[in-house]
PDB file of N, CA and C in Angstrom:
ATOM      1  N   MET A   1     100.514  73.736  66.922  1.00  0.00           N
ATOM      2  CA  MET A   1     100.828  75.141  66.915  1.00  0.00           C
ATOM      3  C   MET A   1      99.691  75.897  66.223  1.00  0.00           C
ATOM      4  N   ALA A   2      99.328  77.009  66.750  1.00  0.00           N
ATOM      5  CA  ALA A   2      98.256  77.818  66.177  1.00  0.00           C
ATOM      6  C   ALA A   2      98.690  78.390  64.835  1.00  0.00           C
ATOM      7  N   THR A   3      97.730  78.433  63.911  1.00  0.00           N
ATOM      8  CA  THR A   3      98.018  78.914  62.564  1.00  0.00           C
ATOM      9  C   THR A   3      96.950  79.923  62.157  1.00  0.00           C
ATOM     10  N   CYS A   4      97.379  80.985  61.518  1.00  0.00           N
ATOM     11  CA  CYS A   4      96.449  81.981  60.990  1.00  0.00           C
ATOM     12  C   CYS A   4      95.972  81.493  59.621  1.00  0.00           C
ATOM     13  N   VAL A   5      94.649  81.458  59.431  1.00  0.00           N
ATOM     14  CA  VAL A   5      94.088  80.993  58.161  1.00  0.00           C
ATOM     15  C   VAL A   5      93.064  82.004  57.652  1.00  0.00           C
ATOM     16  N   GLN A   6      92.863  81.992  56.317  1.00  0.00           N
ATOM     17  CA  GLN A   6      91.850  82.823  55.659  1.00  0.00           C
ATOM     18  C   GLN A   6      90.849  81.905  54.986  1.00  0.00           C
ATOM     19  N   LEU A   7      89.604  82.330  54.944  1.00  0.00           N
ATOM     20  CA  LEU A   7      88.563  81.578  54.258  1.00  0.00           C
ATOM     21  C   LEU A   7      88.483  82.079  52.816  1.00  0.00           C
ATOM     22  N   GLU A   8      88.851  81.218  51.876  1.00  0.00           N
ATOM     23  CA  GLU A   8      88.827  81.580  50.461  1.00  0.00           C
ATOM     24  C   GLU A   8      88.039  80.532  49.687  1.00  0.00           C
ATOM     25  N   TYR A   9      86.946  80.948  49.103  1.00  0.00           N
ATOM     26  CA  TYR A   9      86.120  80.073  48.266  1.00  0.00           C
ATOM     27  C   TYR A   9      85.709  78.803  49.015  1.00  0.00           C
ATOM     28  N   GLY A  10      85.375  78.947  50.279  1.00  0.00           N
ATOM     29  CA  GLY A  10      84.899  77.815  51.065  1.00  0.00           C
ATOM     30  C   GLY A  10      86.002  76.945  51.639  1.00  0.00           C
ATOM     31  N   GLU A  11      87.257  77.329  51.482  1.00  0.00           N
ATOM     32  CA  GLU A  11      88.373  76.553  52.009  1.00  0.00           C
ATOM     33  C   GLU A  11      89.211  77.420  52.942  1.00  0.00           C
ATOM     34  N   LEU A  12      89.775  76.790  53.946  1.00  0.00           N
ATOM     35  CA  LEU A  12      90.689  77.486  54.850  1.00  0.00           C
ATOM     36  C   LEU A  12      92.102  77.353  54.315  1.00  0.00           C
ATOM     37  N   LYS A  13      92.749  78.487  54.076  1.00  0.00           N
ATOM     38  CA  LYS A  13      94.113  78.481  53.545  1.00  0.00           C
ATOM     39  C   LYS A  13      95.026  79.184  54.540  1.00  0.00           C
ATOM     40  N   PRO A  14      96.137  78.547  54.930  1.00  0.00           N
ATOM     41  CA  PRO A  14      97.066  79.187  55.878  1.00  0.00           C
ATOM     42  C   PRO A  14      97.707  80.432  55.270  1.00  0.00           C
ATOM     43  N   THR A  15      97.977  81.410  56.134  1.00  0.00           N
ATOM     44  CA  THR A  15      98.632  82.645  55.698  1.00  0.00           C
ATOM     45  C   THR A  15      99.967  82.761  56.414  1.00  0.00           C
ATOM     46  N   ALA A  16     100.750  83.729  55.991  1.00  0.00           N
ATOM     47  CA  ALA A  16     102.066  83.950  56.587  1.00  0.00           C
ATOM     48  C   ALA A  16     101.996  84.918  57.768  1.00  0.00           C
ATOM     49  N   GLN A  17     100.818  85.389  58.105  1.00  0.00           N
ATOM     50  CA  GLN A  17     100.676  86.351  59.203  1.00  0.00           C
ATOM     51  C   GLN A  17     100.945  85.669  60.543  1.00  0.00           C
ATOM     52  N   SER A  18     101.457  86.476  61.479  1.00  0.00           N
ATOM     53  CA  SER A  18     101.625  85.957  62.840  1.00  0.00           C
ATOM     54  C   SER A  18     100.267  85.934  63.525  1.00  0.00           C
ATOM     55  N   ILE A  19     100.183  85.225  64.632  1.00  0.00           N
ATOM     56  CA  ILE A  19      98.914  85.113  65.350  1.00  0.00           C
ATOM     57  C   ILE A  19      98.461  86.479  65.871  1.00  0.00           C
ATOM     58  N   GLN A  20      99.391  87.309  66.309  1.00  0.00           N
ATOM     59  CA  GLN A  20      99.038  88.631  66.827  1.00  0.00           C
ATOM     60  C   GLN A  20      98.487  89.550  65.738  1.00  0.00           C
ATOM     61  N   ASP A  21      98.931  89.360  64.500  1.00  0.00           N
ATOM     62  CA  ASP A  21      98.502  90.216  63.391  1.00  0.00           C
ATOM     63  C   ASP A  21      97.438  89.560  62.520  1.00  0.00           C
ATOM     64  N   CYS A  22      96.906  88.449  62.936  1.00  0.00           N
ATOM     65  CA  CYS A  22      95.963  87.682  62.119  1.00  0.00           C
ATOM     66  C   CYS A  22      94.656  88.453  61.933  1.00  0.00           C
ATOM     67  N   THR A  23      94.230  88.588  60.682  1.00  0.00           N
ATOM     68  CA  THR A  23      92.970  89.259  60.381  1.00  0.00           C
ATOM     69  C   THR A  23      91.880  88.262  60.008  1.00  0.00           C
ATOM     70  N   GLY A  24      92.247  86.996  59.901  1.00  0.00           N
ATOM     71  CA  GLY A  24      91.281  85.954  59.551  1.00  0.00           C
ATOM     72  C   GLY A  24      90.905  85.139  60.771  1.00  0.00           C
ATOM     73  N   PHE A  25      91.075  83.837  60.658  1.00  0.00           N
ATOM     74  CA  PHE A  25      90.753  82.901  61.730  1.00  0.00           C
ATOM     75  C   PHE A  25      92.039  82.293  62.280  1.00  0.00           C
ATOM     76  N   VAL A  26      91.992  81.844  63.513  1.00  0.00           N
ATOM     77  CA  VAL A  26      93.122  81.155  64.120  1.00  0.00           C
ATOM     78  C   VAL A  26      92.720  79.699  64.310  1.00  0.00           C
ATOM     79  N   MET A  27      93.502  78.800  63.729  1.00  0.00           N
ATOM     80  CA  MET A  27      93.221  77.382  63.832  1.00  0.00           C
ATOM     81  C   MET A  27      94.150  76.786  64.892  1.00  0.00           C
ATOM     82  N   LEU A  28      93.531  76.076  65.850  1.00  0.00           N
ATOM     83  CA  LEU A  28      94.279  75.482  66.954  1.00  0.00           C
ATOM     84  C   LEU A  28      94.344  73.979  66.806  1.00  0.00           C
ATOM     85  N   GLU A  29      95.413  73.395  67.373  1.00  0.00           N
ATOM     86  CA  GLU A  29      95.502  71.945  67.471  1.00  0.00           C
ATOM     87  C   GLU A  29      94.608  71.494  68.624  1.00  0.00           C
ATOM     88  N   PRO A  30      94.209  70.212  68.648  1.00  0.00           N
ATOM     89  CA  PRO A  30      93.311  69.747  69.713  1.00  0.00           C
ATOM     90  C   PRO A  30      93.855  69.961  71.121  1.00  0.00           C
ATOM     91  N   THR A  31      95.144  69.782  71.335  1.00  0.00           N
ATOM     92  CA  THR A  31      95.702  69.969  72.685  1.00  0.00           C
ATOM     93  C   THR A  31      95.644  71.439  73.100  1.00  0.00           C
ATOM     94  N   GLU A  32      95.908  72.347  72.152  1.00  0.00           N
ATOM     95  CA  GLU A  32      95.820  73.773  72.463  1.00  0.00           C
ATOM     96  C   GLU A  32      94.379  74.167  72.769  1.00  0.00           C
ATOM     97  N   TYR A  33      93.445  73.594  72.032  1.00  0.00           N
ATOM     98  CA  TYR A  33      92.036  73.895  72.266  1.00  0.00           C
ATOM     99  C   TYR A  33      91.598  73.401  73.643  1.00  0.00           C
ATOM    100  N   GLN A  34      92.029  72.230  74.053  1.00  0.00           N
ATOM    101  CA  GLN A  34      91.689  71.706  75.378  1.00  0.00           C
ATOM    102  C   GLN A  34      92.272  72.593  76.476  1.00  0.00           C
ATOM    103  N   GLN A  35      93.505  73.063  76.286  1.00  0.00           N
ATOM    104  CA  GLN A  35      94.110  73.967  77.263  1.00  0.00           C
ATOM    105  C   GLN A  35      93.344  75.282  77.335  1.00  0.00           C
ATOM    106  N   PHE A  36      92.905  75.777  76.182  1.00  0.00           N
ATOM    107  CA  PHE A  36      92.119  77.011  76.149  1.00  0.00           C
ATOM    108  C   PHE A  36      90.802  76.835  76.882  1.00  0.00           C
ATOM    109  N   LEU A  37      90.121  75.704  76.654  1.00  0.00           N
ATOM    110  CA  LEU A  37      88.851  75.452  77.334  1.00  0.00           C
ATOM    111  C   LEU A  37      89.036  75.370  78.840  1.00  0.00           C
ATOM    112  N   LEU A  38      90.092  74.695  79.277  1.00  0.00           N
ATOM    113  CA  LEU A  38      90.345  74.571  80.717  1.00  0.00           C
ATOM    114  C   LEU A  38      90.615  75.931  81.335  1.00  0.00           C
ATOM    115  N   ALA A  39      91.464  76.734  80.703  1.00  0.00           N
ATOM    116  CA  ALA A  39      91.808  78.052  81.252  1.00  0.00           C
ATOM    117  C   ALA A  39      90.611  78.992  81.240  1.00  0.00           C
ATOM    118  N   SER A  40      89.797  78.950  80.200  1.00  0.00           N
ATOM    119  CA  SER A  40      88.661  79.861  80.138  1.00  0.00           C
ATOM    120  C   SER A  40      87.535  79.423  81.076  1.00  0.00           C
ATOM    121  N   SER A  41      87.424  78.138  81.359  1.00  0.00           N
ATOM    122  CA  SER A  41      86.358  77.682  82.252  1.00  0.00           C
ATOM    123  C   SER A  41      86.646  78.052  83.711  1.00  0.00           C
ATOM    124  N   LEU A  42      87.907  78.295  84.050  1.00  0.00           N
ATOM    125  CA  LEU A  42      88.238  78.681  85.419  1.00  0.00           C
ATOM    126  C   LEU A  42      87.676  80.050  85.771  1.00  0.00           C
ATOM    127  N   PHE A  43      87.525  80.923  84.774  1.00  0.00           N
ATOM    128  CA  PHE A  43      87.062  82.281  85.021  1.00  0.00           C
ATOM    129  C   PHE A  43      85.678  82.549  84.438  1.00  0.00           C
ATOM    130  N   ASP A  44      84.975  81.503  84.060  1.00  0.00           N
ATOM    131  CA  ASP A  44      83.660  81.659  83.462  1.00  0.00           C
ATOM    132  C   ASP A  44      82.601  81.673  84.562  1.00  0.00           C
ATOM    133  N   PRO A  45      81.905  82.790  84.757  1.00  0.00           N
ATOM    134  CA  PRO A  45      80.914  82.854  85.832  1.00  0.00           C
ATOM    135  C   PRO A  45      79.730  81.913  85.634  1.00  0.00           C
ATOM    136  N   SER A  46      79.464  81.498  84.414  1.00  0.00           N
ATOM    137  CA  SER A  46      78.337  80.595  84.202  1.00  0.00           C
ATOM    138  C   SER A  46      78.628  79.181  84.688  1.00  0.00           C
ATOM    139  N   GLU A  47      79.895  78.876  84.974  1.00  0.00           N
ATOM    140  CA  GLU A  47      80.276  77.558  85.472  1.00  0.00           C
ATOM    141  C   GLU A  47      80.030  77.425  86.972  1.00  0.00           C
ATOM    142  N   ILE A  48      79.823  78.544  87.673  1.00  0.00           N
ATOM    143  CA  ILE A  48      79.619  78.517  89.116  1.00  0.00           C
ATOM    144  C   ILE A  48      78.115  78.476  89.389  1.00  0.00           C
ATOM    145  N   SER A  49      77.695  77.508  90.187  1.00  0.00           N
ATOM    146  CA  SER A  49      76.271  77.412  90.509  1.00  0.00           C
ATOM    147  C   SER A  49      75.877  78.509  91.496  1.00  0.00           C
ATOM    148  N   ILE A  50      74.599  78.748  91.612  1.00  0.00           N
ATOM    149  CA  ILE A  50      74.096  79.796  92.500  1.00  0.00           C
ATOM    150  C   ILE A  50      74.439  79.485  93.945  1.00  0.00           C
ATOM    151  N   GLU A  51      74.346  78.214  94.329  1.00  0.00           N
ATOM    152  CA  GLU A  51      74.639  77.828  95.712  1.00  0.00           C
ATOM    153  C   GLU A  51      76.105  78.077  96.046  1.00  0.00           C
ATOM    154  N   VAL A  52      76.997  77.762  95.114  1.00  0.00           N
ATOM    155  CA  VAL A  52      78.428  77.981  95.350  1.00  0.00           C
ATOM    156  C   VAL A  52      78.723  79.473  95.427  1.00  0.00           C
ATOM    157  N   ALA A  53      78.118  80.273  94.553  1.00  0.00           N
ATOM    158  CA  ALA A  53      78.334  81.722  94.581  1.00  0.00           C
ATOM    159  C   ALA A  53      77.840  82.314  95.895  1.00  0.00           C
ATOM    160  N   GLN A  54      76.693  81.848  96.373  1.00  0.00           N
ATOM    161  CA  GLN A  54      76.184  82.332  97.656  1.00  0.00           C
ATOM    162  C   GLN A  54      77.113  81.936  98.798  1.00  0.00           C
ATOM    163  N   ALA A  55      77.606  80.711  98.769  1.00  0.00           N
ATOM    164  CA  ALA A  55      78.510  80.249  99.828  1.00  0.00           C
ATOM    165  C   ALA A  55      79.813  81.042  99.819  1.00  0.00           C
ATOM    166  N   LEU A  56      80.331  81.355  98.637  1.00  0.00           N
ATOM    167  CA  LEU A  56      81.559  82.156  98.556  1.00  0.00           C
ATOM    168  C   LEU A  56      81.334  83.560  99.102  1.00  0.00           C
ATOM    169  N   PHE A  57      80.198  84.168  98.757  1.00  0.00           N
ATOM    170  CA  PHE A  57      79.899  85.516  99.245  1.00  0.00           C
ATOM    171  C   PHE A  57      79.744  85.522 100.765  1.00  0.00           C
ATOM    172  N   VAL A  58      78.973  84.583 101.286  1.00  0.00           N
ATOM    173  CA  VAL A  58      78.725  84.542 102.728  1.00  0.00           C
ATOM    174  C   VAL A  58      80.011  84.265 103.489  1.00  0.00           C
ATOM    175  N   SER A  59      80.848  83.367 102.984  1.00  0.00           N
ATOM    176  CA  SER A  59      82.097  83.074 103.694  1.00  0.00           C
ATOM    177  C   SER A  59      83.035  84.277 103.669  1.00  0.00           C
ATOM    178  N   GLY A  60      83.121  84.985 102.542  1.00  0.00           N
ATOM    179  CA  GLY A  60      83.968  86.177 102.479  1.00  0.00           C
ATOM    180  C   GLY A  60      83.452  87.291 103.372  1.00  0.00           C
ATOM    181  N   PHE A  61      82.143  87.523 103.356  1.00  0.00           N
ATOM    182  CA  PHE A  61      81.537  88.555 104.186  1.00  0.00           C
ATOM    183  C   PHE A  61      81.671  88.197 105.660  1.00  0.00           C
ATOM    184  N   SER A  62      81.436  86.935 106.010  1.00  0.00           N
ATOM    185  CA  SER A  62      81.533  86.484 107.398  1.00  0.00           C
ATOM    186  C   SER A  62      82.953  86.608 107.929  1.00  0.00           C
ATOM    187  N   LEU A  63      83.933  86.336 107.081  1.00  0.00           N
ATOM    188  CA  LEU A  63      85.322  86.436 107.521  1.00  0.00           C
ATOM    189  C   LEU A  63      85.651  87.860 107.962  1.00  0.00           C
ATOM    190  N   VAL A  64      85.182  88.850 107.202  1.00  0.00           N
ATOM    191  CA  VAL A  64      85.432  90.250 107.566  1.00  0.00           C
ATOM    192  C   VAL A  64      84.722  90.596 108.877  1.00  0.00           C
ATOM    193  N   ILE A  65      83.474  90.204 109.022  1.00  0.00           N
ATOM    194  CA  ILE A  65      82.711  90.505 110.238  1.00  0.00           C
ATOM    195  C   ILE A  65      83.321  89.807 111.449  1.00  0.00           C
ATOM    196  N   ILE A  66      83.705  88.559 111.311  1.00  0.00           N
ATOM    197  CA  ILE A  66      84.296  87.814 112.437  1.00  0.00           C
ATOM    198  C   ILE A  66      85.614  88.442 112.856  1.00  0.00           C
ATOM    199  N   CYS A  67      86.446  88.841 111.893  1.00  0.00           N
ATOM    200  CA  CYS A  67      87.717  89.501 112.240  1.00  0.00           C
ATOM    201  C   CYS A  67      87.468  90.824 112.954  1.00  0.00           C
ATOM    202  N   TYR A  68      86.483  91.587 112.487  1.00  0.00           N
ATOM    203  CA  TYR A  68      86.171  92.858 113.140  1.00  0.00           C
ATOM    204  C   TYR A  68      85.676  92.633 114.564  1.00  0.00           C
ATOM    205  N   MET A  69      84.766  91.710 114.753  1.00  0.00           N
ATOM    206  CA  MET A  69      84.209  91.457 116.088  1.00  0.00           C
ATOM    207  C   MET A  69      85.285  90.931 117.042  1.00  0.00           C
ATOM    208  N   THR A  70      86.175  90.092 116.553  1.00  0.00           N
ATOM    209  CA  THR A  70      87.255  89.568 117.389  1.00  0.00           C
ATOM    210  C   THR A  70      88.195  90.689 117.813  1.00  0.00           C
ATOM    211  N   SER A  71      88.585  91.540 116.865  1.00  0.00           N
ATOM    212  CA  SER A  71      89.489  92.636 117.229  1.00  0.00           C
ATOM    213  C   SER A  71      88.800  93.637 118.158  1.00  0.00           C
ATOM    214  N   TRP A  72      87.501  93.879 117.970  1.00  0.00           N
ATOM    215  CA  TRP A  72      86.766  94.780 118.866  1.00  0.00           C
ATOM    216  C   TRP A  72      86.728  94.206 120.281  1.00  0.00           C
ATOM    217  N   ALA A  73      86.507  92.892 120.393  1.00  0.00           N
ATOM    218  CA  ALA A  73      86.460  92.267 121.719  1.00  0.00           C
ATOM    219  C   ALA A  73      87.819  92.338 122.403  1.00  0.00           C
ATOM    220  N   TYR A  74      88.893  92.046 121.670  1.00  0.00           N
ATOM    221  CA  TYR A  74      90.230  92.147 122.260  1.00  0.00           C
ATOM    222  C   TYR A  74      90.536  93.580 122.672  1.00  0.00           C
ATOM    223  N   GLY A  75      90.162  94.550 121.845  1.00  0.00           N
ATOM    224  CA  GLY A  75      90.398  95.957 122.185  1.00  0.00           C
ATOM    225  C   GLY A  75      89.642  96.372 123.432  1.00  0.00           C
ATOM    226  N   THR A  76      88.423  95.903 123.589  1.00  0.00           N
ATOM    227  CA  THR A  76      87.626  96.224 124.776  1.00  0.00           C
ATOM    228  C   THR A  76      88.264  95.641 126.029  1.00  0.00           C
ATOM    229  N   ILE A  77      88.705  94.401 125.932  1.00  0.00           N
ATOM    230  CA  ILE A  77      89.339  93.750 127.094  1.00  0.00           C
ATOM    231  C   ILE A  77      90.653  94.429 127.443  1.00  0.00           C
ATOM    232  N   ILE A  78      91.465  94.775 126.456  1.00  0.00           N
ATOM    233  CA  ILE A  78      92.758  95.432 126.714  1.00  0.00           C
ATOM    234  C   ILE A  78      92.522  96.813 127.311  1.00  0.00           C
ATOM    235  N   ASN A  79      91.554  97.571 126.792  1.00  0.00           N
ATOM    236  CA  ASN A  79      91.279  98.908 127.326  1.00  0.00           C
ATOM    237  C   ASN A  79      90.684  98.852 128.726  1.00  0.00           C
ATOM    238  N   TRP A  80      90.075  97.765 129.098  1.00  0.00           N
ATOM    239  CA  TRP A  80      89.480  97.622 130.423  1.00  0.00           C
ATOM    240  C   TRP A  80      90.556  97.614 131.510  1.00  0.00           C
ATOM    241  N   PHE A  81      91.750  97.155 131.174  1.00  0.00           N
ATOM    242  CA  PHE A  81      92.845  97.084 132.134  1.00  0.00           C
ATOM    243  C   PHE A  81      93.716  98.332 132.163  1.00  0.00           C
ATOM    244  N   LYS A  82      93.362  99.397 131.462  1.00  0.00           N
ATOM    245  CA  LYS A  82      94.138 100.639 131.492  1.00  0.00           C
ATOM    246  C   LYS A  82      93.981 101.306 132.846  1.00  0.00           C
ATOM    247  N   PRO A  83      95.020 102.006 133.303  1.00  0.00           N
ATOM    248  CA  PRO A  83      94.969 102.635 134.631  1.00  0.00           C
ATOM    249  C   PRO A  83      93.886 103.705 134.768  1.00  0.00           C
ATOM    250  N   GLU A  84      93.457 104.345 133.733  1.00  0.00           N
ATOM    251  CA  GLU A  84      92.454 105.404 133.852  1.00  0.00           C
ATOM    252  C   GLU A  84      91.086 104.853 134.202  1.00  0.00           C
ATOM    253  N   HIS A  85      90.897 103.562 134.123  1.00  0.00           N
ATOM    254  CA  HIS A  85      89.631 102.950 134.498  1.00  0.00           C
ATOM    255  C   HIS A  85      89.627 102.461 135.964  1.00  0.00           C
ATOM    256  N   ASP A  86      90.692 102.745 136.712  1.00  0.00           N
ATOM    257  CA  ASP A  86      90.784 102.313 138.110  1.00  0.00           C
ATOM    258  C   ASP A  86      89.943 103.173 139.040  1.00  0.00           C
ATOM    259  N   ASN A  87      89.506 104.313 138.635  1.00  0.00           N
ATOM    260  CA  ASN A  87      88.746 105.207 139.520  1.00  0.00           C
ATOM    261  C   ASN A  87      87.363 104.726 139.756  1.00  0.00           C
TER     262      ASN A  87
END
């Protein structure tokens, strides 16, 4: 369990403050620290390599372009069969 501690004369002493109101340091157990590292590494941009970031950007951008081109092609084909084009 996380504990709020104060540094006094070179020693860490626990305080009665809650974690939300802690003005000193927060001491974590090893399991809590491992969970924190795992959760923070999921959103850390320095963990993503340049090649992966480029691949994510290109795939996201390509998905939008491919969807647009597909819908444009279907719209063109559907409009080609409208009666006003029979003349």
